[in-house]
């Protein structure tokens, strides 16, 4: 169960956070998901940290567009942001629909 202290950390910290419940049992990490709104990806996405996840755990990294349910097709601006992210993540970038 995630408590208020955990939620406050997630909301207020300026680095990536993994929340793992105390009762969780370790299983091999096969897939990881990175969620993005494709807005200002240069400034708001920690590409160096994201790229170290596969080096450490060896999962497939999937990217989900957080706002895809608001439109049927990406706007030209979002397409530019998506392409930048794809360029930065290379083969790690696997876009899947939300």
N, C-alpha and C. Protein backbone atom coordinates (compact mmCIF):
# COMPACT_ATOMS: atom_id res chain seq x y z
N UNK A 1 0.85 -1.18 0.00
CA UNK A 1 0.00 0.00 0.00
C UNK A 1 0.89 1.24 0.00
N UNK A 2 0.58 2.17 -0.86
CA UNK A 2 1.33 3.42 -0.93
C UNK A 2 0.69 4.40 0.04
N UNK A 3 1.49 4.96 0.95
CA UNK A 3 0.93 5.89 1.94
C UNK A 3 1.18 7.34 1.55
N UNK A 4 0.69 8.27 2.37
CA UNK A 4 0.82 9.70 2.09
C UNK A 4 2.27 10.16 2.03
N UNK A 5 3.13 9.62 2.88
CA UNK A 5 4.54 10.01 2.85
C UNK A 5 5.16 9.66 1.50
N UNK A 6 4.85 8.48 1.00
CA UNK A 6 5.37 8.06 -0.30
C UNK A 6 4.86 8.97 -1.40
N UNK A 7 3.57 9.27 -1.37
CA UNK A 7 3.00 10.16 -2.38
C UNK A 7 3.62 11.55 -2.32
N UNK A 8 3.89 12.05 -1.13
CA UNK A 8 4.54 13.36 -1.00
C UNK A 8 5.95 13.36 -1.59
N UNK A 9 6.68 12.29 -1.38
CA UNK A 9 8.01 12.18 -1.97
C UNK A 9 7.91 12.19 -3.49
N UNK A 10 7.01 11.39 -4.03
CA UNK A 10 6.84 11.32 -5.48
C UNK A 10 6.50 12.69 -6.06
N UNK A 11 5.64 13.42 -5.38
CA UNK A 11 5.22 14.74 -5.88
C UNK A 11 6.31 15.80 -5.77
N UNK A 12 7.19 15.68 -4.79
CA UNK A 12 8.10 16.79 -4.48
C UNK A 12 9.57 16.55 -4.78
N UNK A 13 9.94 15.36 -5.18
CA UNK A 13 11.35 15.09 -5.44
C UNK A 13 11.67 15.35 -6.91
N UNK A 14 12.89 15.72 -7.17
CA UNK A 14 13.25 16.09 -8.55
C UNK A 14 14.08 15.02 -9.25
N UNK A 15 13.91 13.77 -8.85
CA UNK A 15 14.61 12.68 -9.54
C UNK A 15 13.64 11.51 -9.70
N UNK A 16 13.96 10.57 -10.58
CA UNK A 16 13.07 9.42 -10.77
C UNK A 16 12.92 8.62 -9.47
N UNK A 17 11.73 8.08 -9.26
CA UNK A 17 11.43 7.33 -8.05
C UNK A 17 10.80 5.99 -8.43
N UNK A 18 11.26 4.93 -7.80
CA UNK A 18 10.62 3.63 -7.95
C UNK A 18 9.92 3.33 -6.63
N UNK A 19 8.64 3.03 -6.68
CA UNK A 19 7.88 2.69 -5.49
C UNK A 19 7.65 1.19 -5.50
N UNK A 20 8.18 0.52 -4.49
CA UNK A 20 8.07 -0.93 -4.40
C UNK A 20 7.40 -1.27 -3.07
N UNK A 21 6.20 -1.83 -3.11
CA UNK A 21 5.50 -2.18 -1.86
C UNK A 21 6.31 -3.18 -1.04
N UNK A 22 6.19 -3.07 0.28
CA UNK A 22 6.94 -3.94 1.19
C UNK A 22 6.65 -5.41 0.95
N UNK A 23 5.42 -5.72 0.56
CA UNK A 23 5.04 -7.13 0.37
C UNK A 23 5.42 -7.68 -1.01
N UNK A 24 6.02 -6.85 -1.84
CA UNK A 24 6.39 -7.28 -3.19
C UNK A 24 7.47 -8.35 -3.14
N UNK A 25 7.36 -9.30 -4.02
CA UNK A 25 8.38 -10.35 -4.15
C UNK A 25 9.13 -10.09 -5.45
N UNK A 26 10.44 -10.26 -5.42
CA UNK A 26 11.25 -9.99 -6.59
C UNK A 26 11.00 -11.04 -7.67
N UNK A 27 10.77 -10.55 -8.87
CA UNK A 27 10.71 -11.39 -10.06
C UNK A 27 11.61 -10.71 -11.07
N UNK A 28 12.10 -11.47 -11.99
CA UNK A 28 12.93 -10.90 -13.04
C UNK A 28 12.17 -9.77 -13.74
N UNK A 29 12.83 -8.64 -13.91
CA UNK A 29 12.23 -7.50 -14.58
C UNK A 29 12.36 -7.70 -16.08
N UNK A 30 11.23 -7.99 -16.75
CA UNK A 30 11.25 -8.26 -18.18
C UNK A 30 10.81 -7.06 -19.00
N UNK A 31 9.94 -6.24 -18.44
CA UNK A 31 9.43 -5.07 -19.15
C UNK A 31 9.41 -3.89 -18.19
N UNK A 32 9.72 -2.72 -18.71
CA UNK A 32 9.60 -1.48 -17.96
C UNK A 32 8.83 -0.51 -18.83
N UNK A 33 8.08 0.38 -18.20
CA UNK A 33 7.28 1.34 -18.95
C UNK A 33 7.71 2.74 -18.55
N UNK A 34 7.94 3.57 -19.55
CA UNK A 34 8.24 4.98 -19.35
C UNK A 34 7.06 5.76 -19.91
N UNK A 35 6.43 6.56 -19.06
CA UNK A 35 5.26 7.32 -19.47
C UNK A 35 5.67 8.76 -19.73
N UNK A 36 5.26 9.29 -20.88
CA UNK A 36 5.58 10.66 -21.25
C UNK A 36 4.37 11.34 -21.86
N UNK A 37 4.28 12.64 -21.66
CA UNK A 37 3.22 13.40 -22.31
C UNK A 37 3.72 14.02 -23.62
N UNK A 38 4.97 13.74 -23.99
CA UNK A 38 5.60 14.27 -25.20
C UNK A 38 5.59 15.80 -25.23
N UNK A 39 5.65 16.41 -24.05
CA UNK A 39 5.74 17.86 -23.97
C UNK A 39 7.11 18.23 -23.43
N UNK A 40 7.82 19.07 -24.15
CA UNK A 40 9.13 19.59 -23.73
C UNK A 40 10.05 18.46 -23.28
N UNK A 41 10.19 17.43 -24.10
CA UNK A 41 10.94 16.23 -23.72
C UNK A 41 12.41 16.52 -23.44
N UNK A 42 12.97 17.54 -24.08
CA UNK A 42 14.38 17.88 -23.86
C UNK A 42 14.59 18.25 -22.39
N UNK A 43 13.70 19.05 -21.84
CA UNK A 43 13.86 19.55 -20.49
C UNK A 43 13.30 18.61 -19.43
N UNK A 44 12.27 17.83 -19.76
CA UNK A 44 11.54 17.11 -18.73
C UNK A 44 11.80 15.61 -18.65
N UNK A 45 12.60 15.06 -19.54
CA UNK A 45 12.83 13.61 -19.52
C UNK A 45 14.28 13.29 -19.19
N UNK A 46 14.50 12.47 -18.16
CA UNK A 46 15.86 12.12 -17.74
C UNK A 46 16.45 10.99 -18.59
N UNK A 47 16.88 11.35 -19.81
CA UNK A 47 17.32 10.32 -20.76
C UNK A 47 18.49 9.49 -20.25
N UNK A 48 19.43 10.10 -19.57
CA UNK A 48 20.58 9.33 -19.06
C UNK A 48 20.11 8.27 -18.07
N UNK A 49 19.24 8.65 -17.15
CA UNK A 49 18.72 7.69 -16.17
C UNK A 49 17.88 6.61 -16.84
N UNK A 50 17.07 7.01 -17.80
CA UNK A 50 16.22 6.04 -18.50
C UNK A 50 17.07 5.00 -19.22
N UNK A 51 18.16 5.46 -19.83
CA UNK A 51 19.00 4.54 -20.58
C UNK A 51 19.78 3.58 -19.69
N UNK A 52 19.93 3.88 -18.40
CA UNK A 52 20.64 2.97 -17.50
C UNK A 52 19.77 1.83 -17.01
N UNK A 53 18.45 1.98 -17.09
CA UNK A 53 17.55 0.91 -16.61
C UNK A 53 17.80 -0.39 -17.37
N UNK A 54 17.82 -0.38 -18.71
CA UNK A 54 18.11 -1.64 -19.41
C UNK A 54 19.51 -2.18 -19.13
N UNK A 55 20.49 -1.31 -18.89
CA UNK A 55 21.83 -1.77 -18.57
C UNK A 55 21.85 -2.54 -17.25
N UNK A 56 21.03 -2.09 -16.30
CA UNK A 56 21.00 -2.70 -14.98
C UNK A 56 20.12 -3.94 -14.94
N UNK A 57 18.90 -3.84 -15.47
CA UNK A 57 17.91 -4.91 -15.31
C UNK A 57 17.65 -5.72 -16.57
N UNK A 58 18.03 -5.22 -17.73
CA UNK A 58 17.86 -5.88 -19.03
C UNK A 58 16.40 -6.08 -19.45
N UNK A 59 15.47 -5.16 -19.09
CA UNK A 59 14.10 -5.34 -19.57
C UNK A 59 13.91 -4.67 -20.92
N UNK A 60 12.78 -4.96 -21.56
CA UNK A 60 12.36 -4.18 -22.72
C UNK A 60 11.73 -2.92 -22.15
N UNK A 61 12.08 -1.78 -22.70
CA UNK A 61 11.55 -0.50 -22.22
C UNK A 61 10.49 -0.01 -23.18
N UNK A 62 9.26 0.12 -22.71
CA UNK A 62 8.15 0.60 -23.53
C UNK A 62 7.85 2.05 -23.16
N UNK A 63 7.44 2.83 -24.13
CA UNK A 63 7.08 4.23 -23.90
C UNK A 63 5.60 4.41 -24.18
N UNK A 64 4.91 5.02 -23.24
CA UNK A 64 3.48 5.28 -23.40
C UNK A 64 3.26 6.79 -23.41
N UNK A 65 2.46 7.25 -24.36
CA UNK A 65 2.07 8.65 -24.40
C UNK A 65 0.92 8.83 -23.43
N UNK A 66 1.15 9.57 -22.37
CA UNK A 66 0.18 9.76 -21.31
C UNK A 66 -1.11 10.40 -21.81
N UNK A 67 -1.04 11.26 -22.80
CA UNK A 67 -2.21 12.01 -23.23
C UNK A 67 -2.85 11.46 -24.50
N UNK A 68 -2.53 10.25 -24.90
CA UNK A 68 -3.03 9.73 -26.16
C UNK A 68 -4.54 9.56 -26.19
N UNK A 69 -5.19 9.49 -25.04
CA UNK A 69 -6.64 9.34 -25.04
C UNK A 69 -7.36 10.66 -25.34
N UNK A 70 -6.63 11.77 -25.45
CA UNK A 70 -7.26 13.06 -25.74
C UNK A 70 -7.35 13.36 -27.23
N UNK A 71 -6.67 12.59 -28.04
CA UNK A 71 -6.70 12.86 -29.47
C UNK A 71 -6.48 11.58 -30.24
N UNK A 72 -6.90 11.58 -31.50
CA UNK A 72 -6.75 10.40 -32.35
C UNK A 72 -5.39 10.34 -33.01
N UNK A 73 -4.78 11.49 -33.22
CA UNK A 73 -3.49 11.54 -33.90
C UNK A 73 -2.62 12.60 -33.23
N UNK A 74 -1.32 12.36 -33.19
CA UNK A 74 -0.41 13.33 -32.59
C UNK A 74 -0.37 14.61 -33.42
N UNK A 75 -0.34 15.73 -32.74
CA UNK A 75 -0.21 17.01 -33.43
C UNK A 75 1.21 17.11 -33.98
N UNK A 76 1.46 18.01 -34.93
CA UNK A 76 2.83 18.18 -35.45
C UNK A 76 3.85 18.47 -34.34
N UNK A 77 3.46 19.26 -33.34
CA UNK A 77 4.37 19.58 -32.23
C UNK A 77 4.72 18.32 -31.44
N UNK A 78 3.71 17.49 -31.15
CA UNK A 78 3.96 16.26 -30.40
C UNK A 78 4.80 15.28 -31.22
N UNK A 79 4.60 15.26 -32.52
CA UNK A 79 5.41 14.39 -33.38
C UNK A 79 6.88 14.77 -33.30
N UNK A 80 7.18 16.07 -33.26
CA UNK A 80 8.56 16.53 -33.13
C UNK A 80 9.15 16.06 -31.80
N UNK A 81 8.38 16.23 -30.72
CA UNK A 81 8.84 15.80 -29.39
C UNK A 81 9.05 14.29 -29.35
N UNK A 82 8.13 13.55 -29.95
CA UNK A 82 8.23 12.09 -29.98
C UNK A 82 9.48 11.67 -30.75
N UNK A 83 9.74 12.29 -31.87
CA UNK A 83 10.91 11.95 -32.67
C UNK A 83 12.20 12.27 -31.91
N UNK A 84 12.21 13.37 -31.16
CA UNK A 84 13.39 13.69 -30.36
C UNK A 84 13.62 12.60 -29.32
N UNK A 85 12.55 12.19 -28.64
CA UNK A 85 12.67 11.14 -27.64
C UNK A 85 13.15 9.84 -28.28
N UNK A 86 12.60 9.52 -29.43
CA UNK A 86 12.99 8.31 -30.16
C UNK A 86 14.47 8.36 -30.52
N UNK A 87 14.94 9.53 -30.95
CA UNK A 87 16.34 9.71 -31.29
C UNK A 87 17.23 9.53 -30.06
N UNK A 88 16.82 10.08 -28.92
CA UNK A 88 17.62 10.00 -27.69
C UNK A 88 17.66 8.58 -27.12
N UNK A 89 16.55 7.85 -27.23
CA UNK A 89 16.48 6.52 -26.63
C UNK A 89 16.86 5.40 -27.59
N UNK A 90 16.90 5.70 -28.88
CA UNK A 90 17.31 4.71 -29.87
C UNK A 90 16.46 3.46 -29.82
N UNK A 91 17.11 2.30 -29.78
CA UNK A 91 16.39 1.03 -29.82
C UNK A 91 15.57 0.77 -28.56
N UNK A 92 15.79 1.58 -27.51
CA UNK A 92 14.99 1.42 -26.29
C UNK A 92 13.58 1.96 -26.46
N UNK A 93 13.38 2.79 -27.47
CA UNK A 93 12.07 3.43 -27.66
C UNK A 93 11.14 2.50 -28.39
N UNK A 94 10.14 1.99 -27.69
CA UNK A 94 9.11 1.16 -28.27
C UNK A 94 7.79 1.80 -27.87
N UNK A 95 7.17 2.53 -28.78
CA UNK A 95 5.92 3.23 -28.44
C UNK A 95 4.76 2.26 -28.48
N UNK A 96 3.97 2.27 -27.42
CA UNK A 96 2.78 1.46 -27.39
C UNK A 96 1.60 2.37 -27.04
N UNK A 97 0.42 2.09 -27.55
CA UNK A 97 -0.72 2.95 -27.25
C UNK A 97 -1.13 2.85 -25.78
N UNK A 98 -1.61 3.96 -25.24
CA UNK A 98 -2.04 3.97 -23.83
C UNK A 98 -3.40 3.32 -23.70
